[in-house]
Amino acid sequence: MSDGTLRSSIYPGLAVVIVLKEDQKTGKGTQGFVKDILMNIPVHPRGIKVRLETGEVGRVQYILGS
């Protein structure tokens, strides 16, 4: 697994684990596939913000299968 702090390693269709805003205190992850990348900066220490195909928005914690 790779971390989600580099925008260049994230693209639509990628399987990821994100942390939703309401789950930040517990760190509970939500698995899904990236639909949109919501940040333009190349690196973010807490993870790149994405929208999943389900419509959920959160920061990428892990990239699955890499």
Protein backbone atom coordinates (compact mmCIF):
# COMPACT_ATOMS: atom_id res chain seq x y z
CA MET A 1 0.00 0.00 0.00
CA SER A 2 1.12 3.51 -0.78
CA ASP A 3 0.17 6.68 1.03
CA GLY A 4 -2.07 9.30 -0.53
CA THR A 5 0.01 12.44 -0.04
CA LEU A 6 1.23 12.72 -3.67
CA ARG A 7 -1.30 14.01 -6.21
CA SER A 8 0.69 12.52 -9.10
CA SER A 9 -0.01 8.97 -7.85
CA ILE A 10 -3.81 9.46 -7.69
CA TYR A 11 -6.10 9.22 -10.72
CA PRO A 12 -9.78 8.45 -11.51
CA GLY A 13 -10.68 4.78 -11.10
CA LEU A 14 -7.93 4.13 -8.52
CA ALA A 15 -8.91 2.01 -5.49
CA VAL A 16 -8.20 3.95 -2.30
CA VAL A 17 -9.04 4.23 1.39
CA ILE A 18 -10.15 7.70 2.48
CA VAL A 19 -11.03 9.25 5.82
CA LEU A 20 -14.28 11.21 5.74
CA LYS A 21 -14.52 14.54 7.58
CA GLU A 22 -16.83 13.05 10.23
CA ASP A 23 -14.40 10.14 10.79
CA GLN A 24 -11.23 12.22 11.28
CA LYS A 25 -11.25 11.79 15.07
CA THR A 26 -11.57 8.00 14.91
CA GLY A 27 -9.52 7.51 11.73
CA LYS A 28 -12.11 5.10 10.31
CA GLY A 29 -11.38 4.44 6.64
CA THR A 30 -13.82 4.21 3.73
CA GLN A 31 -12.83 2.18 0.68
CA GLY A 32 -13.81 3.13 -2.84
CA PHE A 33 -12.77 4.26 -6.30
CA VAL A 34 -11.64 7.82 -7.11
CA LYS A 35 -14.06 9.81 -9.27
CA ASP A 36 -12.56 13.32 -8.94
CA ILE A 37 -9.40 14.83 -7.46
CA LEU A 38 -10.39 17.96 -5.53
CA MET A 39 -6.96 19.52 -4.91
CA ASN A 40 -4.44 21.05 -7.31
CA ILE A 41 -1.41 21.10 -5.03
CA PRO A 42 1.19 18.37 -5.73
CA VAL A 43 1.71 17.23 -2.10
CA HIS A 44 -0.43 17.44 1.04
CA PRO A 45 0.79 15.96 4.36
CA ARG A 46 -2.70 14.82 5.46
CA GLY A 47 -3.61 13.32 2.09
CA ILE A 48 -5.04 14.53 -1.21
CA LYS A 49 -8.77 15.28 -1.08
CA VAL A 50 -10.88 13.23 -3.52
CA ARG A 51 -14.50 12.39 -4.32
CA LEU A 52 -15.29 8.70 -4.60
CA GLU A 53 -17.67 7.24 -7.20
CA THR A 54 -20.22 6.99 -4.35
CA GLY A 55 -20.06 10.78 -3.86
CA GLU A 56 -18.22 10.61 -0.53
CA VAL A 57 -15.43 13.17 -0.04
CA GLY A 58 -12.32 12.67 2.05
CA ARG A 59 -8.54 12.58 2.17
CA VAL A 60 -6.66 9.61 0.73
CA GLN A 61 -4.92 7.60 3.44
CA TYR A 62 -3.83 4.61 1.37
CA ILE A 63 -3.73 3.57 -2.25
CA LEU A 64 -4.80 -0.08 -2.47
CA GLY A 65 -2.89 -2.63 -4.52
CA SER A 66 0.33 -0.63 -4.85
